[in-house]
């Protein structure tokens, strides 16, 4: 998304999740796994 690209140019790290992804339990598990890796847990 345009906002993501702008933030990345300003050295921000962006992790975005869409609303429809949150309706699927299996996707939520994967999102949480990815988020843990993203924040280095």
Protein backbone atom coordinates (compact mmCIF):
# COMPACT_ATOMS: atom_id res chain seq x y z
CA UNK A 1 0.00 0.00 0.00
CA UNK A 2 1.05 3.54 -0.59
CA UNK A 3 1.28 4.35 3.13
CA UNK A 4 3.49 1.30 3.71
CA UNK A 5 5.93 2.37 1.03
CA UNK A 6 6.10 5.89 2.46
CA UNK A 7 6.79 4.57 5.96
CA UNK A 8 9.46 2.17 4.68
CA UNK A 9 11.21 5.06 2.98
CA UNK A 10 11.29 6.73 6.39
CA UNK A 11 12.85 3.57 7.91
CA UNK A 12 9.67 2.32 9.58
CA UNK A 13 8.93 -1.40 9.71
CA UNK A 14 5.36 -2.13 8.69
CA UNK A 15 3.32 -5.21 9.55
CA UNK A 16 -0.18 -5.04 8.11
CA UNK A 17 -3.07 -7.46 8.55
CA UNK A 18 -6.39 -7.16 6.78
CA UNK A 19 -9.74 -7.53 8.52
CA UNK A 20 -10.75 -10.51 6.41
CA UNK A 21 -7.63 -12.40 7.50
CA UNK A 22 -8.72 -12.09 11.13
CA UNK A 23 -11.88 -14.06 10.40
CA UNK A 24 -9.93 -17.24 9.68
CA UNK A 25 -8.45 -19.06 12.69
CA UNK A 26 -5.78 -20.78 10.63
CA UNK A 27 -4.64 -17.49 9.14
CA UNK A 28 -4.55 -15.94 12.61
CA UNK A 29 -2.10 -18.62 13.73
CA UNK A 30 0.13 -17.86 10.77
CA UNK A 31 -0.18 -14.12 11.30
CA UNK A 32 0.87 -14.47 14.93
CA UNK A 33 3.82 -16.63 13.93
CA UNK A 34 4.88 -14.03 11.37
CA UNK A 35 4.40 -11.22 13.86
CA UNK A 36 6.60 -12.98 16.42
CA UNK A 37 9.34 -13.26 13.81
CA UNK A 38 8.79 -9.65 12.80
CA UNK A 39 9.36 -8.38 16.36
CA UNK A 40 12.09 -10.97 17.06
CA UNK A 41 10.45 -13.03 19.81
